[in-house]
N, C-alpha and C. Protein backbone atom coordinates (compact mmCIF):
# COMPACT_ATOMS: atom_id res chain seq x y z
N MET A 1 0.86 -1.24 -0.06
CA MET A 1 0.04 -0.08 -0.10
C MET A 1 0.79 1.12 0.04
N PHE A 2 0.65 2.27 -0.72
CA PHE A 2 1.31 3.40 -1.00
C PHE A 2 0.35 4.52 -0.42
N GLN A 3 0.72 5.65 0.06
CA GLN A 3 0.19 6.77 0.56
C GLN A 3 0.92 8.07 0.58
N VAL A 4 0.47 9.13 0.19
CA VAL A 4 0.97 10.49 0.33
C VAL A 4 -0.03 11.40 0.71
N PHE A 5 0.61 12.63 1.21
CA PHE A 5 -0.28 13.77 1.61
C PHE A 5 -0.29 14.81 0.61
N TYR A 6 -1.32 15.49 0.36
CA TYR A 6 -1.46 16.73 -0.43
C TYR A 6 -2.09 17.84 0.17
N LYS A 7 -1.50 18.76 0.43
CA LYS A 7 -1.81 19.96 1.34
C LYS A 7 -2.95 20.73 0.52
N LEU A 8 -3.84 21.16 1.22
CA LEU A 8 -4.68 22.08 0.64
C LEU A 8 -4.90 23.40 1.80
N PRO A 9 -5.29 24.65 1.54
CA PRO A 9 -5.26 25.62 2.50
C PRO A 9 -6.30 25.38 3.55
N ILE A 10 -7.38 24.25 3.44
CA ILE A 10 -8.29 24.22 4.25
C ILE A 10 -8.10 22.76 5.07
N CYS A 11 -7.47 21.96 4.41
CA CYS A 11 -7.02 20.52 5.08
C CYS A 11 -5.94 20.07 4.14
N SER A 12 -5.60 18.66 4.63
CA SER A 12 -4.66 17.82 3.68
C SER A 12 -5.59 16.65 3.19
N LEU A 13 -5.11 16.22 2.27
CA LEU A 13 -5.75 14.94 1.62
C LEU A 13 -4.79 13.84 1.74
N LEU A 14 -5.12 12.71 2.12
CA LEU A 14 -4.32 11.61 2.21
C LEU A 14 -4.81 10.54 1.15
N LEU A 15 -3.98 10.61 0.04
CA LEU A 15 -4.14 9.64 -1.03
C LEU A 15 -3.55 8.33 -0.84
N LYS A 16 -4.52 7.27 -1.42
CA LYS A 16 -3.75 5.87 -1.12
C LYS A 16 -3.95 5.14 -2.41
N SER A 17 -3.01 4.14 -2.69
CA SER A 17 -3.05 3.50 -3.90
C SER A 17 -2.45 2.10 -3.68
N ASP A 18 -3.01 1.14 -4.53
CA ASP A 18 -2.25 -0.18 -4.54
C ASP A 18 -1.08 -0.40 -5.46
N GLY A 19 -0.94 0.85 -6.02
CA GLY A 19 0.17 0.86 -6.99
C GLY A 19 -0.20 0.87 -8.43
N GLU A 20 -1.39 0.29 -8.66
CA GLU A 20 -2.25 0.52 -10.02
C GLU A 20 -3.36 1.33 -10.23
N PHE A 21 -4.02 1.64 -9.04
CA PHE A 21 -5.03 2.45 -8.90
C PHE A 21 -5.17 3.26 -7.70
N LEU A 22 -5.61 4.45 -7.67
CA LEU A 22 -6.06 5.25 -6.49
C LEU A 22 -7.18 4.63 -6.03
N THR A 23 -6.95 4.25 -4.73
CA THR A 23 -8.09 3.49 -3.80
C THR A 23 -8.78 4.25 -3.03
N GLU A 24 -8.08 5.27 -2.42
CA GLU A 24 -8.91 6.02 -1.31
C GLU A 24 -8.35 7.54 -1.39
N VAL A 25 -9.20 8.37 -0.87
CA VAL A 25 -8.69 9.81 -0.61
C VAL A 25 -9.56 10.17 0.72
N ASP A 26 -8.72 10.52 1.73
CA ASP A 26 -9.28 10.82 2.84
C ASP A 26 -8.94 12.34 3.36
N PHE A 27 -9.98 13.05 3.74
CA PHE A 27 -9.63 14.45 4.31
C PHE A 27 -9.00 14.35 5.68
N CYS A 28 -7.92 15.03 6.02
CA CYS A 28 -7.34 14.99 7.24
C CYS A 28 -6.76 16.33 7.73
N PHE A 29 -6.75 16.50 8.89
CA PHE A 29 -6.04 17.50 9.63
C PHE A 29 -4.63 17.38 10.27
N GLU A 30 -4.43 16.24 10.18
CA GLU A 30 -3.06 15.74 10.78
C GLU A 30 -2.53 14.89 9.98
N GLU A 31 -1.18 15.00 9.70
CA GLU A 31 -0.40 14.23 8.72
C GLU A 31 0.44 13.19 9.69
N LYS A 32 -0.51 12.33 10.19
CA LYS A 32 0.15 11.23 11.22
C LYS A 32 0.62 10.04 10.65
N PHE A 33 0.53 9.95 9.28
CA PHE A 33 0.98 8.42 8.62
C PHE A 33 2.09 8.75 7.83
N LYS A 34 3.00 7.77 7.75
CA LYS A 34 4.22 7.73 7.04
C LYS A 34 3.96 7.76 5.58
N GLU A 35 4.67 8.69 4.73
CA GLU A 35 4.43 8.66 3.27
C GLU A 35 5.17 7.57 2.60
N ASN A 36 4.50 7.01 1.68
CA ASN A 36 5.38 5.88 0.68
C ASN A 36 4.77 6.13 -0.62
N SER A 37 5.41 6.89 -1.37
CA SER A 37 4.73 7.29 -2.75
C SER A 37 4.99 6.12 -3.79
N CYS A 38 4.26 6.24 -4.89
CA CYS A 38 4.56 5.44 -6.07
C CYS A 38 4.19 6.29 -7.39
N GLU A 39 4.56 5.78 -8.55
CA GLU A 39 4.38 6.52 -9.68
C GLU A 39 2.97 7.05 -9.95
N LEU A 40 1.85 6.24 -9.44
CA LEU A 40 0.43 6.66 -9.64
C LEU A 40 0.19 7.84 -8.69
N LEU A 41 0.62 7.72 -7.46
CA LEU A 41 0.25 8.84 -6.60
C LEU A 41 1.12 10.12 -7.01
N GLU A 42 2.22 10.17 -7.49
CA GLU A 42 2.92 11.20 -8.23
C GLU A 42 2.03 11.83 -9.25
N PHE A 43 1.52 11.00 -10.02
CA PHE A 43 0.46 11.65 -11.13
C PHE A 43 -0.61 12.16 -10.52
N ALA A 44 -1.26 11.45 -9.66
CA ALA A 44 -2.40 11.83 -8.91
C ALA A 44 -2.33 13.28 -8.17
N THR A 45 -1.19 13.48 -7.48
CA THR A 45 -0.73 14.70 -6.92
C THR A 45 -0.51 15.73 -7.88
N TRP A 46 0.04 15.36 -9.06
CA TRP A 46 0.33 16.47 -10.11
C TRP A 46 -0.95 16.84 -10.55
N GLU A 47 -2.03 15.77 -10.86
CA GLU A 47 -3.40 16.22 -11.34
C GLU A 47 -4.07 17.21 -10.34
N LEU A 48 -4.01 16.89 -9.06
CA LEU A 48 -4.54 17.56 -8.11
C LEU A 48 -4.05 19.11 -8.17
N LYS A 49 -2.71 19.18 -8.37
CA LYS A 49 -2.03 20.51 -8.38
C LYS A 49 -2.70 21.42 -9.51
N ASN A 50 -2.76 20.64 -10.66
CA ASN A 50 -3.44 21.38 -11.81
C ASN A 50 -4.72 21.54 -11.61
N TYR A 51 -5.55 20.67 -11.05
CA TYR A 51 -6.85 21.07 -10.73
C TYR A 51 -7.28 22.22 -9.89
N PHE A 52 -6.57 22.28 -8.84
CA PHE A 52 -6.57 23.42 -7.79
C PHE A 52 -6.03 24.68 -8.41
N SER A 53 -5.20 24.81 -9.53
CA SER A 53 -4.91 26.00 -10.06
C SER A 53 -5.65 26.18 -11.41
N LYS A 54 -6.73 25.26 -11.58
CA LYS A 54 -7.85 25.57 -12.56
C LYS A 54 -7.30 25.24 -13.88
N LYS A 55 -6.24 24.42 -14.03
CA LYS A 55 -5.62 24.01 -15.40
C LYS A 55 -6.13 22.79 -15.76
N LEU A 56 -6.77 21.95 -14.77
CA LEU A 56 -7.20 20.65 -15.20
C LEU A 56 -8.74 20.47 -14.69
N LYS A 57 -9.51 19.93 -15.79
CA LYS A 57 -10.95 19.78 -15.48
C LYS A 57 -11.46 18.19 -15.53
N VAL A 58 -10.72 17.57 -16.06
CA VAL A 58 -10.99 16.05 -16.05
C VAL A 58 -9.78 15.32 -15.63
N PHE A 59 -10.07 14.48 -14.66
CA PHE A 59 -8.83 13.57 -14.05
C PHE A 59 -8.71 12.35 -14.81
N LYS A 60 -7.62 11.97 -15.09
CA LYS A 60 -7.15 10.90 -15.77
C LYS A 60 -6.69 9.56 -14.87
N THR A 61 -6.22 10.07 -13.79
CA THR A 61 -5.69 8.94 -12.64
C THR A 61 -6.60 7.74 -12.55
N PRO A 62 -5.97 6.57 -12.78
CA PRO A 62 -6.99 5.20 -12.70
C PRO A 62 -7.50 5.08 -11.33
N LEU A 63 -8.62 4.83 -11.27
CA LEU A 63 -9.54 4.72 -9.88
C LEU A 63 -10.10 3.16 -9.70
N LYS A 64 -9.92 2.92 -8.62
CA LYS A 64 -10.61 1.42 -8.41
C LYS A 64 -11.82 1.73 -7.77
N LEU A 65 -12.90 1.71 -8.27
CA LEU A 65 -14.18 1.82 -8.05
C LEU A 65 -14.72 0.67 -7.01
N GLN A 66 -15.18 1.11 -6.01
CA GLN A 66 -15.53 0.03 -4.97
C GLN A 66 -16.95 0.36 -4.43
N GLY A 67 -17.80 -0.68 -4.35
CA GLY A 67 -19.19 -0.65 -3.71
C GLY A 67 -19.86 -1.59 -4.57
N THR A 68 -21.31 -1.31 -4.21
CA THR A 68 -22.39 -2.30 -4.88
C THR A 68 -22.46 -1.80 -6.29
N SER A 69 -23.16 -2.48 -7.12
CA SER A 69 -23.33 -2.24 -8.63
C SER A 69 -24.16 -0.75 -8.64
N PHE A 70 -25.08 -0.61 -7.70
CA PHE A 70 -25.70 0.65 -7.69
C PHE A 70 -24.81 1.76 -7.46
N GLU A 71 -23.99 1.58 -6.25
CA GLU A 71 -23.03 2.53 -5.99
C GLU A 71 -22.09 3.04 -7.09
N ILE A 72 -21.60 1.88 -7.72
CA ILE A 72 -20.71 2.13 -9.06
C ILE A 72 -21.47 2.89 -10.16
N LYS A 73 -22.55 2.48 -10.34
CA LYS A 73 -23.25 3.27 -11.45
C LYS A 73 -23.51 4.93 -11.10
N VAL A 74 -23.53 5.13 -9.62
CA VAL A 74 -23.63 6.51 -9.17
C VAL A 74 -22.40 7.21 -9.51
N TYR A 75 -21.28 6.42 -9.06
CA TYR A 75 -19.81 7.07 -9.17
C TYR A 75 -19.53 7.47 -10.67
N LYS A 76 -19.95 6.27 -11.48
CA LYS A 76 -19.51 6.66 -12.96
C LYS A 76 -20.37 7.75 -13.44
N ALA A 77 -21.59 7.92 -12.92
CA ALA A 77 -22.42 9.23 -13.33
C ALA A 77 -21.80 10.57 -12.71
N LEU A 78 -21.34 10.29 -11.47
CA LEU A 78 -20.72 11.50 -10.92
C LEU A 78 -19.52 12.01 -11.71
N MET A 79 -18.92 10.95 -12.19
CA MET A 79 -17.60 11.47 -13.17
C MET A 79 -18.00 12.04 -14.48
N GLN A 80 -19.22 11.98 -14.88
CA GLN A 80 -19.75 12.67 -15.98
C GLN A 80 -20.20 14.07 -15.88
N ILE A 81 -20.24 14.43 -14.56
CA ILE A 81 -20.86 15.87 -14.22
C ILE A 81 -19.68 16.97 -14.65
N PRO A 82 -19.85 17.84 -15.59
CA PRO A 82 -18.70 18.54 -16.13
C PRO A 82 -18.06 19.57 -14.86
N TYR A 83 -16.94 19.66 -14.98
CA TYR A 83 -16.23 20.70 -13.98
C TYR A 83 -16.91 22.02 -13.92
N GLY A 84 -17.39 22.60 -12.74
CA GLY A 84 -18.03 23.72 -12.48
C GLY A 84 -19.55 23.75 -12.55
N GLN A 85 -20.01 22.63 -12.77
CA GLN A 85 -21.46 22.31 -12.81
C GLN A 85 -22.00 21.49 -11.78
N THR A 86 -23.27 21.69 -11.27
CA THR A 86 -23.77 20.88 -10.24
C THR A 86 -25.09 20.28 -10.67
N VAL A 87 -25.55 19.07 -10.06
CA VAL A 87 -26.73 18.58 -10.18
C VAL A 87 -27.46 18.27 -8.91
N THR A 88 -28.76 17.97 -8.58
CA THR A 88 -29.25 17.77 -7.52
C THR A 88 -29.19 16.06 -7.23
N TYR A 89 -29.51 15.57 -6.30
CA TYR A 89 -29.54 14.12 -6.01
C TYR A 89 -30.66 13.70 -6.95
N LYS A 90 -31.93 14.47 -6.87
CA LYS A 90 -32.91 13.92 -7.71
C LYS A 90 -32.43 13.80 -9.17
N GLU A 91 -31.85 14.86 -9.83
CA GLU A 91 -31.33 14.85 -11.00
C GLU A 91 -30.32 13.78 -11.36
N LEU A 92 -29.55 13.42 -10.42
CA LEU A 92 -28.55 12.30 -10.53
C LEU A 92 -29.23 10.90 -10.71
N ALA A 93 -30.26 11.02 -9.82
CA ALA A 93 -31.03 9.58 -9.82
C ALA A 93 -31.80 9.57 -11.28
N GLU A 94 -32.28 10.48 -11.79
CA GLU A 94 -32.85 10.38 -13.08
C GLU A 94 -31.84 10.25 -14.14
N ILE A 95 -30.70 10.65 -14.06
CA ILE A 95 -29.48 10.54 -15.25
C ILE A 95 -29.14 8.79 -14.88
N ILE A 96 -29.12 8.27 -14.02
CA ILE A 96 -28.88 6.66 -14.00
C ILE A 96 -30.19 6.02 -13.89
N ASN A 97 -31.31 6.55 -14.38
CA ASN A 97 -32.44 5.71 -14.69
C ASN A 97 -33.02 5.03 -13.58
N HIS A 98 -32.90 5.80 -12.48
CA HIS A 98 -33.68 5.49 -11.06
C HIS A 98 -34.22 6.59 -10.40
N PRO A 99 -35.20 7.15 -11.02
CA PRO A 99 -35.74 8.58 -10.69
C PRO A 99 -36.23 8.65 -9.24
N LYS A 100 -36.61 7.58 -8.58
CA LYS A 100 -37.29 7.72 -7.29
C LYS A 100 -36.03 7.35 -6.22
N ALA A 101 -34.86 7.15 -6.65
CA ALA A 101 -33.86 6.65 -5.77
C ALA A 101 -32.75 7.87 -5.23
N PHE A 102 -33.40 9.06 -5.22
CA PHE A 102 -32.55 10.18 -4.76
C PHE A 102 -31.97 10.06 -3.47
N ARG A 103 -32.52 9.29 -2.50
CA ARG A 103 -32.02 9.03 -1.23
C ARG A 103 -30.89 8.04 -1.46
N ALA A 104 -31.14 7.16 -2.13
CA ALA A 104 -30.07 6.16 -2.38
C ALA A 104 -28.85 6.68 -3.07
N VAL A 105 -29.20 7.57 -4.04
CA VAL A 105 -27.73 8.46 -4.61
C VAL A 105 -27.29 9.16 -3.60
N GLY A 106 -28.08 9.90 -2.68
CA GLY A 106 -27.41 10.50 -1.47
C GLY A 106 -26.51 9.51 -0.72
N ASN A 107 -26.93 8.30 -0.48
CA ASN A 107 -26.32 7.38 0.53
C ASN A 107 -25.01 7.00 -0.32
N ALA A 108 -25.05 6.74 -1.65
CA ALA A 108 -24.13 6.23 -2.24
C ALA A 108 -22.92 7.41 -2.24
N ASN A 109 -23.50 8.54 -2.28
CA ASN A 109 -22.32 9.64 -2.37
C ASN A 109 -21.73 9.68 -1.07
N SER A 110 -22.43 9.38 -0.03
CA SER A 110 -21.68 9.37 1.38
C SER A 110 -20.69 8.31 1.56
N LYS A 111 -20.83 7.38 0.75
CA LYS A 111 -19.79 6.14 0.73
C LYS A 111 -18.81 6.28 -0.17
N ASN A 112 -18.70 7.25 -0.96
CA ASN A 112 -17.60 7.59 -1.88
C ASN A 112 -16.30 7.69 -1.13
N ILE A 113 -15.24 6.71 -1.42
CA ILE A 113 -14.02 6.95 -0.77
C ILE A 113 -13.18 7.42 -1.61
N ILE A 114 -13.34 8.13 -2.79
CA ILE A 114 -12.30 8.67 -3.64
C ILE A 114 -12.94 10.25 -3.91
N PRO A 115 -13.19 10.91 -2.96
CA PRO A 115 -13.83 12.21 -3.36
C PRO A 115 -12.79 13.10 -4.16
N ILE A 116 -13.28 13.99 -4.84
CA ILE A 116 -12.59 14.86 -5.79
C ILE A 116 -12.52 14.19 -7.14
N PHE A 117 -11.74 13.12 -7.10
CA PHE A 117 -11.65 12.47 -8.50
C PHE A 117 -13.00 11.84 -8.76
N ILE A 118 -13.76 11.44 -7.85
CA ILE A 118 -15.25 11.04 -8.03
C ILE A 118 -15.87 12.33 -7.50
N PRO A 119 -16.41 13.24 -8.18
CA PRO A 119 -16.66 14.64 -7.68
C PRO A 119 -18.26 14.65 -7.14
N CYS A 120 -18.32 13.93 -6.06
CA CYS A 120 -19.68 13.94 -5.21
C CYS A 120 -19.88 15.30 -4.58
N HIS A 121 -18.98 16.17 -4.69
CA HIS A 121 -19.19 17.56 -4.14
C HIS A 121 -20.16 18.34 -5.18
N ARG A 122 -20.16 17.92 -6.25
CA ARG A 122 -20.90 18.60 -7.22
C ARG A 122 -22.40 18.21 -7.39
N VAL A 123 -22.78 17.46 -6.39
CA VAL A 123 -24.33 17.16 -6.10
C VAL A 123 -24.77 17.96 -5.05
N LEU A 124 -25.77 18.73 -5.20
CA LEU A 124 -26.42 19.56 -4.15
C LEU A 124 -27.82 19.02 -4.03
N ALA A 125 -28.36 19.39 -2.56
CA ALA A 125 -29.84 19.15 -2.33
C ALA A 125 -30.74 20.06 -3.02
N LYS A 126 -31.82 19.89 -3.08
CA LYS A 126 -32.75 20.79 -3.84
C LYS A 126 -32.88 22.21 -3.35
N ASN A 127 -32.87 22.28 -2.09
CA ASN A 127 -32.89 23.76 -1.67
C ASN A 127 -31.60 24.23 -0.91
N SER A 128 -30.51 23.21 -0.74
CA SER A 128 -29.48 23.71 0.20
C SER A 128 -28.16 23.12 -0.60
N ILE A 129 -27.07 23.33 -0.07
CA ILE A 129 -25.74 22.87 -0.44
C ILE A 129 -25.78 21.31 -0.09
N GLY A 130 -26.64 20.64 0.73
CA GLY A 130 -26.40 19.30 1.07
C GLY A 130 -25.28 19.01 1.90
N GLY A 131 -25.16 17.77 2.17
CA GLY A 131 -24.03 17.26 3.02
C GLY A 131 -22.90 16.87 2.35
N TYR A 132 -21.69 16.51 3.02
CA TYR A 132 -20.51 16.18 2.43
C TYR A 132 -19.67 15.42 3.51
N ASN A 133 -19.13 14.46 3.28
CA ASN A 133 -18.21 13.79 4.21
C ASN A 133 -17.13 14.32 4.79
N GLY A 134 -16.44 15.21 3.91
CA GLY A 134 -15.32 16.12 4.57
C GLY A 134 -15.92 17.35 5.18
N GLY A 135 -17.16 17.46 5.30
CA GLY A 135 -17.74 18.71 5.82
C GLY A 135 -18.19 19.77 4.83
N ILE A 136 -19.03 20.65 5.35
CA ILE A 136 -19.69 21.64 4.44
C ILE A 136 -18.53 22.65 3.97
N ASN A 137 -17.75 22.86 4.83
CA ASN A 137 -16.69 23.89 4.64
C ASN A 137 -15.87 23.38 3.25
N ILE A 138 -15.41 22.09 3.30
CA ILE A 138 -14.75 21.42 2.34
C ILE A 138 -15.42 21.46 1.04
N LYS A 139 -16.73 21.06 1.09
CA LYS A 139 -17.55 21.06 -0.06
C LYS A 139 -17.71 22.42 -0.67
N LYS A 140 -17.76 23.67 -0.03
CA LYS A 140 -17.83 24.99 -0.45
C LYS A 140 -16.60 25.37 -1.13
N PHE A 141 -15.45 24.91 -0.41
CA PHE A 141 -14.19 25.23 -0.99
C PHE A 141 -13.91 24.68 -2.43
N LEU A 142 -14.37 23.29 -2.56
CA LEU A 142 -14.31 22.56 -3.75
C LEU A 142 -14.92 23.28 -4.71
N LEU A 143 -16.36 23.43 -4.54
CA LEU A 143 -17.28 24.22 -5.39
C LEU A 143 -16.88 25.63 -5.91
N GLN A 144 -16.15 26.29 -5.20
CA GLN A 144 -15.79 27.51 -5.22
C GLN A 144 -14.48 27.78 -6.02
N ASN A 145 -13.85 26.57 -5.79
CA ASN A 145 -12.45 26.46 -6.66
C ASN A 145 -12.93 26.17 -8.26
N GLU A 146 -14.04 25.66 -8.38
CA GLU A 146 -14.54 25.39 -9.73
C GLU A 146 -15.42 26.30 -10.35
N GLY A 147 -15.39 27.43 -9.51
CA GLY A 147 -16.22 28.73 -10.07
C GLY A 147 -17.72 28.61 -9.77
N VAL A 148 -18.17 27.62 -8.85
CA VAL A 148 -19.62 27.56 -8.56
C VAL A 148 -19.94 28.58 -7.63
N LYS A 149 -21.08 29.43 -7.91
CA LYS A 149 -21.66 30.47 -6.93
C LYS A 149 -22.56 29.57 -5.86
N ILE A 150 -22.29 29.78 -4.61
CA ILE A 150 -22.92 29.11 -3.67
C ILE A 150 -23.69 30.30 -2.99
């Protein structure tokens, strides 16, 4: 297992890889793990640097999608939401042809272990910003970085 930190103004990201795929991204406030990088993580951090400097809009880092078949369907749909755009949980449910499953879509979002690369921050509740595993401040930071007015 390989892991590195990527520092943001609001927190750090702990990126994990099996050497072939990015397997997990955790928001953290303490860098208490030993880094052990690999070529894939070097590429992923290069992409993050370019994403946060607004030079990259689509990630190419290979991801290891994990979850139920429904969750993976949601994650693939999330990766189709363009940079700087948002959808509601209901709209995402309609996109994946499960129009009444907006709560299940929200649940799948909450289980996303590769945030940013799988951009669950681009999904909003009907009348609010909605929740986010990293916290609302991080969700706002990510959306503002993409130019979304909140």
